[in-house]
Amino acid sequence: MGTVNTSRIRYSVEHQRNIAYGLLDLKRSGINLSSCFREQEPVIIYGFDFLGKEIYQEISDRVNVLCFIDRAHDQEIYEGIPVFSLNNEELIKRTDFYDEIRLLVMIVSDTEKIISDVTERLKNITYVSLYKLFFECKMKTTAFISEQNSETLEALHKILDDTKSDIANIILTGTSYTALLGMLYLEDWRDSLFIMERFVPEVVVRKMQESGLRCLYERQSVQYYDLCYVITEYARKRQIPVWGHDHMKLSRAFLTNGIRVLEDGLGNYKYSDAKRHMIVLDDGRRYMPMGYDDLVSKVVLTGQFPLPEEIVNKIEVVSPSLLWGNKGADEKKEIAEIMGFPYEEIQREVEAGKTIIFMTEPHASGGEIWMEEEQQIKMYCHILSNYQKSQIMIKPHPGDHINYAEKMPEYYVLEGQFPIQMIAWFGIKIEKYIVMNESSCLNLLKETSQVDVYDNGCLVEKWEGAHV
């Protein structure tokens, strides 16, 4: 007996789950999938499972569903519609006199093989992607349209219609830090399509949209999973490079394109993290994220940690401060406004004597809580009791959702979501940073600044530009 490829099954189920989610999302929006078909257009549904039946219920009032095809079923009837195996001669008799029949495939992870088998057997078949149908339907909804700027909608229409656009890059990111790194590293970043997970602060996305940048922002998990599969085909066909994160859920559609990885943080420097978070491709192969997979040709890092020897031959080390320095005045101003960098506010507070910045860390993420809010506030108050209150500004981590202005009103809170490095880039002199031991900014700060490092409320290291 042969072995079962459980990895491939798991990925197939993931496709099915997200197609089911897409159907539900369309129903909630009042859009019927049948609107993408002509009246009485002939259609074959490949896959006689719950998903195939659900698709049938969605489109049967408008289209002419000729039959289902399924490997495990033959000569069955579902609501008056026959179910055939591909080898059944009745299949040819039933379909032979149509000029064109659209084929919907439910088993997305095996689509290429299915299309090949069906088109070899039936000569009048035109495959239509479920993901592209969902894309087309989403583009009709008021909710989707209202969330995009005109530049993004124009680009998406060209992708959907498969017509030429001026998209120079696709940038995948789940953090404003990597979005910023893309803006610094790529000269033509303004001509990019940013695809961003919900972890990017919404205020940053809004600023990007106001600046005329094209950005697709996912407010719920796998909200744009379907769109990404259409965009990746467009990018592959037109040889548009893909940059950014290769470990996001939204990245999965782009993995076989060969993502050029931009640094996210410590995870890019730890081979153990890549092994722990391996992703399964459609063919069942395991993919090593964080830039470690063979499909990745380039990994752009800032060198804030020791370079991992496993990928050292494809790493390009860049200096964000040098990249920033090479930008023109107008470009710097635009990037600063997008990232919400409050230059005047910080400079004013520094001149008033607030020369110490305390950087928080998120202790809850994705529903997982490592430290209760009350405990976290208590620990931070204990740490800051070692310093003068009048000298401190609190800089919350972008993923930290505690309201510090309310919970610690005796301290000044910087509300912006900007990357901390921008303070040095603008030449603002900070006397000291207070960070937690797990901070990914530690290595960036300790070479040039005084840094006090705390672990679980206890001072464990002091840096003054060099280790003391």
Protein backbone atom coordinates (compact mmCIF):
# COMPACT_ATOMS: atom_id res chain seq x y z
CA MET A 1 0.00 0.00 0.00
CA GLY A 2 1.37 3.44 -0.94
CA THR A 3 1.98 6.17 1.59
CA VAL A 4 -0.28 9.19 1.82
CA ASN A 5 1.30 12.62 1.39
CA THR A 6 -0.27 14.27 4.42
CA SER A 7 1.52 17.56 3.72
CA ARG A 8 -0.13 17.84 0.33
CA ILE A 9 -3.52 16.92 1.75
CA ARG A 10 -3.15 19.62 4.40
CA TYR A 11 -2.40 22.27 1.78
CA SER A 12 -5.31 21.09 -0.40
CA VAL A 13 -7.61 21.43 2.60
CA GLU A 14 -6.23 24.92 3.21
CA HIS A 15 -7.21 25.92 -0.33
CA GLN A 16 -10.69 24.47 0.19
CA ARG A 17 -11.09 26.28 3.49
CA ASN A 18 -10.17 29.61 1.93
CA ILE A 19 -12.46 29.06 -1.06
CA ALA A 20 -15.28 28.33 1.39
CA TYR A 21 -14.36 31.54 3.23
CA GLY A 22 -14.44 33.43 -0.07
CA LEU A 23 -17.92 32.14 -0.84
CA LEU A 24 -19.16 33.13 2.61
CA ASP A 25 -17.60 36.56 2.28
CA LEU A 26 -19.39 37.12 -1.05
CA LYS A 27 -22.71 36.03 0.44
CA ARG A 28 -22.30 38.49 3.30
CA SER A 29 -21.61 41.20 0.72
CA GLY A 30 -24.78 40.33 -1.23
CA ILE A 31 -22.83 39.22 -4.31
CA ASN A 32 -23.72 35.99 -6.12
CA LEU A 33 -20.98 34.12 -7.95
CA SER A 34 -23.36 33.47 -10.84
CA SER A 35 -23.10 37.16 -11.82
CA CYS A 36 -19.71 36.32 -13.38
CA PHE A 37 -21.36 34.02 -15.95
CA ARG A 38 -23.58 34.55 -18.97
CA GLU A 39 -27.19 33.40 -18.81
CA GLN A 40 -27.31 29.61 -19.41
CA GLU A 41 -23.57 29.46 -20.01
CA PRO A 42 -22.43 25.77 -20.03
CA VAL A 43 -20.25 24.84 -17.05
CA ILE A 44 -18.61 21.66 -15.71
CA ILE A 45 -17.68 21.41 -12.03
CA TYR A 46 -14.65 19.22 -11.28
CA GLY A 47 -14.94 17.89 -7.72
CA PHE A 48 -18.05 16.30 -6.25
CA ASP A 49 -17.34 17.27 -2.65
CA PHE A 50 -18.99 19.76 -0.31
CA LEU A 51 -17.29 22.63 -2.14
CA GLY A 52 -18.42 21.49 -5.58
CA LYS A 53 -21.97 21.15 -4.32
CA GLU A 54 -21.84 24.59 -2.72
CA ILE A 55 -20.57 26.17 -5.94
CA TYR A 56 -23.39 24.42 -7.79
CA GLN A 57 -25.97 25.93 -5.43
CA GLU A 58 -24.47 29.36 -6.01
CA ILE A 59 -24.52 29.33 -9.81
CA SER A 60 -27.26 26.88 -10.86
CA ASP A 61 -29.99 29.52 -11.02
CA ARG A 62 -28.19 31.27 -13.89
CA VAL A 63 -25.82 28.85 -15.63
CA ASN A 64 -26.25 25.48 -17.31
CA VAL A 65 -24.29 23.03 -15.15
CA LEU A 66 -23.79 20.08 -17.50
CA CYS A 67 -22.28 17.69 -14.97
CA PHE A 68 -19.80 17.08 -12.20
CA ILE A 69 -16.51 15.23 -12.84
CA ASP A 70 -14.92 13.34 -9.98
CA ARG A 71 -12.22 10.68 -9.69
CA ALA A 72 -14.08 8.76 -6.99
CA HIS A 73 -17.64 9.00 -8.32
CA ASP A 74 -19.31 7.83 -11.52
CA GLN A 75 -22.88 7.47 -12.84
CA GLU A 76 -24.42 9.25 -9.88
CA ILE A 77 -27.06 11.99 -9.82
CA TYR A 78 -27.13 15.15 -7.69
CA GLU A 79 -30.29 17.26 -7.94
CA GLY A 80 -30.81 16.04 -11.48
CA ILE A 81 -27.20 16.70 -12.54
CA PRO A 82 -25.06 13.68 -13.51
CA VAL A 83 -21.72 12.88 -11.93
CA PHE A 84 -19.15 11.21 -14.20
CA SER A 85 -15.63 9.94 -13.90
CA LEU A 86 -13.37 11.38 -16.57
CA ASN A 87 -13.27 8.06 -18.48
CA ASN A 88 -17.05 7.72 -18.79
CA GLU A 89 -18.09 7.83 -22.47
CA GLU A 90 -21.35 9.56 -21.51
CA LEU A 91 -19.25 12.62 -20.61
CA ILE A 92 -18.26 13.15 -24.24
CA LYS A 93 -21.79 12.58 -25.50
CA ARG A 94 -23.15 15.16 -23.07
CA THR A 95 -20.60 17.86 -23.88
CA ASP A 96 -19.60 17.32 -27.51
CA PHE A 97 -22.07 19.71 -29.18
CA TYR A 98 -21.07 22.82 -27.14
CA ASP A 99 -18.55 25.24 -28.69
CA GLU A 100 -17.14 26.26 -25.31
CA ILE A 101 -17.60 24.96 -21.79
CA ARG A 102 -16.14 26.65 -18.73
CA LEU A 103 -14.43 24.37 -16.24
CA LEU A 104 -14.43 25.10 -12.50
CA VAL A 105 -11.90 23.09 -10.48
CA MET A 106 -12.44 22.58 -6.75
CA ILE A 107 -9.10 20.86 -6.09
CA VAL A 108 -6.92 23.95 -6.42
CA SER A 109 -3.70 22.27 -5.27
CA ASP A 110 -3.85 19.88 -8.27
CA THR A 111 -5.30 22.26 -10.86
CA GLU A 112 -2.60 21.94 -13.53
CA LYS A 113 -2.85 18.14 -13.67
CA ILE A 114 -6.65 18.26 -13.72
CA ILE A 115 -6.76 20.82 -16.53
CA SER A 116 -4.31 18.73 -18.54
CA ASP A 117 -6.36 15.56 -18.07
CA VAL A 118 -9.71 17.20 -18.84
CA THR A 119 -8.55 19.16 -21.91
CA GLU A 120 -6.95 16.02 -23.33
CA ARG A 121 -10.32 14.28 -23.04
CA LEU A 122 -12.61 17.20 -23.94
CA LYS A 123 -11.53 19.69 -26.63
CA ASN A 124 -14.03 22.48 -25.96
CA ILE A 125 -12.95 23.32 -22.40
CA THR A 126 -11.92 26.73 -21.07
CA TYR A 127 -10.60 26.75 -17.52
CA VAL A 128 -11.68 29.58 -15.23
CA SER A 129 -10.00 30.11 -11.86
CA LEU A 130 -12.24 30.24 -8.82
CA TYR A 131 -9.85 32.75 -7.32
CA LYS A 132 -10.24 34.98 -10.38
CA LEU A 133 -14.03 34.74 -10.11
CA PHE A 134 -13.84 35.78 -6.45
CA PHE A 135 -11.53 38.65 -7.45
CA GLU A 136 -14.03 39.80 -10.08
CA CYS A 137 -16.89 39.64 -7.57
CA LYS A 138 -14.96 41.52 -4.88
CA MET A 139 -14.23 44.32 -7.33
CA LYS A 140 -17.99 44.89 -7.56
CA THR A 141 -18.61 45.34 -3.84
CA THR A 142 -19.04 48.78 -2.31
CA ALA A 143 -17.09 47.75 0.79
CA PHE A 144 -14.02 46.69 -1.22
CA ILE A 145 -14.11 49.75 -3.48
CA SER A 146 -14.43 52.12 -0.52
CA GLU A 147 -11.27 50.71 1.11
CA GLN A 148 -9.03 51.36 -1.92
CA ASN A 149 -7.65 54.54 -3.44
CA SER A 150 -8.10 55.16 -7.18
CA GLU A 151 -4.51 54.15 -7.95
CA THR A 152 -4.98 50.72 -6.36
CA LEU A 153 -8.32 50.11 -8.08
CA GLU A 154 -6.84 51.02 -11.47
CA ALA A 155 -3.95 48.58 -10.94
CA LEU A 156 -6.28 45.78 -9.79
CA HIS A 157 -8.52 46.24 -12.84
CA LYS A 158 -5.49 45.87 -15.12
CA ILE A 159 -4.44 42.72 -13.25
CA LEU A 160 -7.95 41.27 -13.49
CA ASP A 161 -8.15 42.10 -17.22
CA ASP A 162 -4.56 40.90 -17.75
CA THR A 163 -3.55 44.15 -19.45
CA LYS A 164 -0.27 46.03 -19.23
CA SER A 165 0.40 48.17 -16.15
CA ASP A 166 3.35 50.15 -14.80
CA ILE A 167 3.70 48.03 -11.63
CA ALA A 168 7.47 47.75 -11.13
CA ASN A 169 7.49 45.62 -7.96
CA ILE A 170 5.20 43.77 -5.60
CA ILE A 171 6.10 44.27 -1.94
CA LEU A 172 4.70 41.84 0.64
CA THR A 173 4.86 42.98 4.24
CA GLY A 174 3.28 42.46 7.62
CA THR A 175 5.16 45.32 9.31
CA SER A 176 5.69 49.01 8.70
CA TYR A 177 9.42 48.36 9.26
CA THR A 178 9.71 46.19 6.15
CA ALA A 179 7.51 48.60 4.19
CA LEU A 180 10.01 51.32 5.14
CA LEU A 181 12.98 49.12 4.20
CA GLY A 182 11.39 48.56 0.79
CA MET A 183 10.98 52.31 0.32
CA LEU A 184 14.63 52.86 1.23
CA TYR A 185 16.08 49.98 -0.81
CA LEU A 186 14.05 50.20 -4.02
CA GLU A 187 14.49 53.32 -6.13
CA ASP A 188 11.16 52.70 -7.91
CA TRP A 189 9.17 51.94 -4.73
CA ARG A 190 6.51 54.48 -5.72
CA ASP A 191 5.66 52.26 -8.71
CA SER A 192 5.13 49.20 -6.51
CA LEU A 193 2.00 47.37 -5.39
CA PHE A 194 2.18 46.89 -1.60
CA ILE A 195 0.29 43.87 -0.26
CA MET A 196 0.05 44.18 3.51
CA GLU A 197 -1.22 42.07 6.38
CA ARG A 198 -3.37 43.53 9.13
CA PHE A 199 -0.36 43.91 11.47
CA VAL A 200 0.75 47.03 9.60
CA PRO A 201 -0.77 49.99 11.50
CA GLU A 202 -3.84 51.24 9.67
CA VAL A 203 -2.69 54.84 10.04
CA VAL A 204 0.42 54.00 7.96
CA VAL A 205 -1.75 52.41 5.26
CA ARG A 206 -3.99 55.46 5.19
CA LYS A 207 -0.97 57.74 4.72
CA MET A 208 0.27 55.51 1.89
CA GLN A 209 -3.11 55.73 0.18
CA GLU A 210 -3.21 59.50 0.59
CA SER A 211 0.24 59.65 -0.98
CA GLY A 212 -1.10 57.85 -4.07
CA LEU A 213 0.65 54.55 -3.44
CA ARG A 214 -1.00 51.32 -4.53
CA CYS A 215 -1.61 49.17 -1.48
CA LEU A 216 -3.85 46.19 -0.81
CA TYR A 217 -4.43 46.01 2.96
CA GLU A 218 -5.86 42.90 4.57
CA ARG A 219 -8.00 43.74 7.60
CA GLN A 220 -8.93 40.10 8.33
CA SER A 221 -6.85 36.94 8.03
CA VAL A 222 -6.80 35.47 4.47
CA GLN A 223 -9.22 38.20 3.32
CA TYR A 224 -7.28 38.58 0.05
CA TYR A 225 -5.95 35.04 -0.31
CA ASP A 226 -7.87 34.72 -3.59
CA LEU A 227 -6.66 38.02 -5.01
CA CYS A 228 -3.05 37.06 -4.31
CA TYR A 229 -3.30 33.94 -6.46
CA VAL A 230 -4.45 36.07 -9.40
CA ILE A 231 -1.81 38.73 -8.76
CA THR A 232 0.98 36.14 -8.58
CA GLU A 233 0.05 34.75 -12.00
CA TYR A 234 0.06 38.28 -13.41
CA ALA A 235 3.48 38.98 -11.82
CA ARG A 236 4.92 35.71 -13.12
CA LYS A 237 3.64 36.29 -16.65
CA ARG A 238 4.97 39.86 -16.76
CA GLN A 239 8.17 39.15 -14.81
CA ILE A 240 7.39 41.61 -12.01
CA PRO A 241 9.78 41.00 -9.09
CA VAL A 242 8.28 40.18 -5.71
CA TRP A 243 9.97 41.53 -2.56
CA GLY A 244 9.29 41.34 1.17
CA HIS A 245 8.12 38.67 3.58
CA ASP A 246 7.92 35.04 2.53
CA HIS A 247 6.42 33.81 5.83
CA MET A 248 3.01 35.54 5.75
CA LYS A 249 -0.17 33.68 4.80
CA LEU A 250 -0.61 36.16 1.96
CA SER A 251 2.91 35.26 0.74
CA ARG A 252 1.99 31.65 -0.01
CA ALA A 253 0.60 32.44 -3.44
CA PHE A 254 3.94 34.04 -4.41
CA LEU A 255 6.41 31.46 -3.09
CA THR A 256 7.04 29.72 -6.41
CA ASN A 257 7.69 33.13 -8.03
CA GLY A 258 10.86 33.37 -5.95
CA ILE A 259 10.39 36.13 -3.38
CA ARG A 260 13.37 38.42 -2.80
CA VAL A 261 13.23 38.63 0.96
CA LEU A 262 13.43 41.92 2.85
CA GLU A 263 14.32 41.78 6.53
CA ASP A 264 11.50 41.44 9.01
CA GLY A 265 13.53 41.07 12.20
CA LEU A 266 15.38 38.52 14.29
CA GLY A 267 13.65 35.58 12.55
CA ASN A 268 15.65 36.21 9.36
CA TYR A 269 18.84 35.53 11.29
CA LYS A 270 17.71 32.27 12.97
CA TYR A 271 17.73 29.06 10.95
CA SER A 272 15.83 27.37 13.79
CA ASP A 273 12.88 29.76 13.25
CA ALA A 274 12.75 28.88 9.56
CA LYS A 275 12.74 25.14 10.34
CA ARG A 276 9.97 25.60 12.90
CA HIS A 277 7.71 27.53 10.51
CA MET A 278 8.09 25.52 7.30
CA ILE A 279 5.32 25.97 4.71
CA VAL A 280 3.86 23.23 2.48
CA LEU A 281 3.66 23.99 -1.24
CA ASP A 282 0.96 22.64 -3.58
CA ASP A 283 3.22 19.81 -4.72
CA GLY A 284 3.77 18.73 -1.10
CA ARG A 285 7.32 20.07 -0.86
CA ARG A 286 8.27 21.84 2.35
CA TYR A 287 9.33 25.46 1.98
CA MET A 288 11.82 27.10 4.38
CA PRO A 289 10.68 30.71 5.04
CA MET A 290 12.61 33.76 6.24
CA GLY A 291 14.77 33.58 3.10
CA TYR A 292 16.19 30.10 3.71
CA ASP A 293 14.50 28.27 0.85
CA ASP A 294 16.28 27.52 -2.43
CA LEU A 295 13.52 29.39 -4.32
CA VAL A 296 14.78 32.63 -2.72
CA SER A 297 17.67 34.16 -4.67
CA LYS A 298 18.28 37.25 -2.52
CA VAL A 299 17.89 38.20 1.14
CA VAL A 300 18.30 41.88 2.08
CA LEU A 301 19.41 42.27 5.71
CA THR A 302 20.67 45.20 7.77
CA GLY A 303 23.28 43.15 9.62
CA GLN A 304 21.83 43.96 13.04
CA PHE A 305 22.60 40.36 14.12
CA PRO A 306 25.32 37.88 13.06
CA LEU A 307 24.66 36.72 9.50
CA PRO A 308 23.36 33.13 9.28
CA GLU A 309 25.91 30.93 7.51
CA GLU A 310 23.16 28.84 5.87
CA ILE A 311 22.26 31.71 3.49
CA VAL A 312 25.32 33.95 3.62
CA ASN A 313 25.93 33.51 -0.14
CA LYS A 314 22.64 35.22 -1.05
CA ILE A 315 22.58 37.97 1.60
CA GLU A 316 22.99 41.62 0.69
CA VAL A 317 23.78 43.73 3.75
CA VAL A 318 22.46 47.29 3.58
CA SER A 319 22.65 50.27 5.89
CA PRO A 320 19.23 51.92 6.30
CA SER A 321 20.88 55.13 7.49
CA LEU A 322 23.02 55.29 4.32
CA LEU A 323 20.02 54.47 2.14
CA TRP A 324 18.12 57.24 3.92
CA GLY A 325 21.00 59.65 3.38
CA ASN A 326 20.94 58.96 -0.34
CA LYS A 327 17.30 60.00 -0.66
CA GLY A 328 16.41 63.49 -1.82
CA ALA A 329 14.73 66.02 0.47
CA ASP A 330 11.27 65.58 -1.08
CA GLU A 331 11.48 61.79 -0.91
CA LYS A 332 12.58 61.92 2.73
CA LYS A 333 9.67 64.19 3.55
CA GLU A 334 7.19 61.85 1.83
CA ILE A 335 8.50 58.75 3.61
CA ALA A 336 8.52 60.54 6.98
CA GLU A 337 4.90 61.62 6.50
CA ILE A 338 3.83 58.10 5.52
CA MET A 339 5.49 56.62 8.59
CA GLY A 340 4.00 59.33 10.80
CA PHE A 341 7.36 60.48 12.08
CA PRO A 342 6.65 63.41 14.47
CA TYR A 343 9.92 65.29 14.07
CA GLU A 344 8.73 68.57 15.60
CA GLU A 345 7.06 66.85 18.57
CA ILE A 346 10.13 64.78 19.45
CA GLN A 347 12.52 67.69 18.98
CA ARG A 348 10.32 69.86 21.22
CA GLU A 349 10.23 67.26 24.01
CA VAL A 350 13.97 66.63 23.78
CA GLU A 351 14.63 70.35 24.13
CA ALA A 352 12.35 70.29 27.20
CA GLY A 353 14.58 67.65 28.81
CA LYS A 354 12.96 64.36 27.76
CA THR A 355 16.09 62.64 26.47
CA ILE A 356 15.36 59.03 27.48
CA ILE A 357 13.13 56.78 25.38
CA PHE A 358 11.56 53.64 26.83
CA MET A 359 10.56 51.10 24.18
CA THR A 360 7.79 48.65 25.04
CA GLU A 361 7.33 45.14 23.64
CA PRO A 362 4.04 43.37 22.81
CA HIS A 363 3.26 40.60 25.27
CA ALA A 364 0.19 39.38 23.41
CA SER A 365 -0.16 38.45 19.74
CA GLY A 366 -2.65 36.53 17.64
CA GLY A 367 -4.73 35.64 20.69
CA GLU A 368 -1.71 34.25 22.57
CA ILE A 369 -0.93 36.06 25.83
CA TRP A 370 2.53 35.84 27.37
CA MET A 371 1.93 38.44 30.08
CA GLU A 372 -1.32 39.99 31.30
CA GLU A 373 -1.71 43.73 30.77
CA GLU A 374 -1.76 44.53 34.49
CA GLN A 375 1.43 42.55 35.02
CA GLN A 376 3.10 44.25 32.08
CA ILE A 377 2.22 47.74 33.36
CA LYS A 378 3.48 46.83 36.83
CA MET A 379 6.80 45.61 35.40
CA TYR A 380 7.24 48.76 33.28
CA CYS A 381 6.51 51.04 36.22
CA HIS A 382 9.13 49.17 38.24
CA ILE A 383 11.72 49.58 35.47
CA LEU A 384 11.03 53.30 35.00
CA SER A 385 11.24 53.97 38.76
CA ASN A 386 15.02 53.87 38.23
CA TYR A 387 14.86 57.07 36.15
CA GLN A 388 13.52 60.60 36.36
CA LYS A 389 9.94 60.72 35.08
CA SER A 390 10.48 64.15 33.57
CA GLN A 391 13.18 62.74 31.28
CA ILE A 392 11.21 59.83 29.82
CA MET A 393 9.20 59.35 26.64
CA ILE A 394 7.43 56.01 26.10
CA LYS A 395 7.56 54.61 22.55
CA PRO A 396 5.02 51.75 22.26
CA HIS A 397 5.84 48.83 19.98
CA PRO A 398 3.58 48.78 16.85
CA GLY A 399 2.16 45.46 18.04
CA ASP A 400 1.55 46.66 21.60
CA HIS A 401 -2.06 47.77 21.96
CA ILE A 402 -1.99 48.97 25.57
CA ASN A 403 -3.16 52.57 26.03
CA TYR A 404 -0.13 53.92 27.91
CA ALA A 405 -1.47 57.47 28.03
CA GLU A 406 -4.32 56.06 30.13
CA LYS A 407 -2.45 53.39 32.09
CA MET A 408 0.73 55.41 32.78
CA PRO A 409 -0.46 59.04 32.58
CA GLU A 410 2.56 60.37 34.46
CA TYR A 411 4.76 59.66 31.41
CA TYR A 412 4.87 61.28 27.97
CA VAL A 413 3.80 58.83 25.24
CA LEU A 414 4.87 59.01 21.60
CA GLU A 415 1.78 57.76 19.78
CA GLY A 416 3.25 57.40 16.26
CA GLN A 417 3.96 53.99 14.67
CA PHE A 418 7.26 55.06 13.11
CA PRO A 419 10.41 52.86 13.23
CA ILE A 420 12.69 54.04 16.04
CA GLN A 421 15.70 54.35 13.69
CA MET A 422 14.17 57.47 12.15
CA ILE A 423 15.08 59.47 15.25
CA ALA A 424 18.79 59.05 14.52
CA TRP A 425 18.29 59.59 10.78
CA PHE A 426 16.83 63.04 11.53
CA GLY A 427 19.76 63.88 13.79
CA ILE A 428 17.74 64.10 17.04
CA LYS A 429 20.00 63.49 20.04
CA ILE A 430 18.62 60.93 22.51
CA GLU A 431 20.67 60.40 25.65
CA LYS A 432 19.55 56.84 26.39
CA TYR A 433 17.21 54.07 25.26
CA ILE A 434 15.61 51.61 27.65
CA VAL A 435 14.70 48.33 25.94
CA MET A 436 13.59 44.84 26.79
CA ASN A 437 16.00 41.98 26.15
CA GLU A 438 13.85 40.60 23.31
CA SER A 439 13.85 43.89 21.38
CA SER A 440 14.91 43.46 17.74
CA CYS A 441 16.18 47.08 17.86
CA LEU A 442 18.83 46.33 20.49
CA ASN A 443 21.63 45.62 18.03
CA LEU A 444 20.72 48.69 15.98
CA LEU A 445 20.84 51.01 18.96
CA LYS A 446 23.74 49.68 21.02
CA GLU A 447 26.46 50.59 18.51
CA THR A 448 25.73 54.31 18.62
CA SER A 449 23.62 54.97 21.75
CA GLN A 450 23.49 54.40 25.47
CA VAL A 451 21.15 51.46 26.05
CA ASP A 452 19.88 49.90 29.27
CA VAL A 453 18.62 46.36 28.68
CA TYR A 454 16.02 44.75 30.96
CA ASP A 455 14.83 41.17 31.23
CA ASN A 456 11.71 40.41 33.27
CA GLY A 457 12.07 43.74 35.08
CA CYS A 458 15.78 43.38 35.93
CA LEU A 459 18.65 45.37 34.43
CA VAL A 460 20.89 42.83 32.66
CA GLU A 461 23.14 44.95 30.42
CA LYS A 462 24.29 48.52 29.89
CA TRP A 463 25.68 49.77 26.60
CA GLU A 464 27.33 53.10 25.80
CA GLY A 465 28.12 52.68 22.15
CA ALA A 466 30.46 49.87 23.23
CA HIS A 467 29.94 47.16 25.81
CA VAL A 468 30.85 48.14 29.41
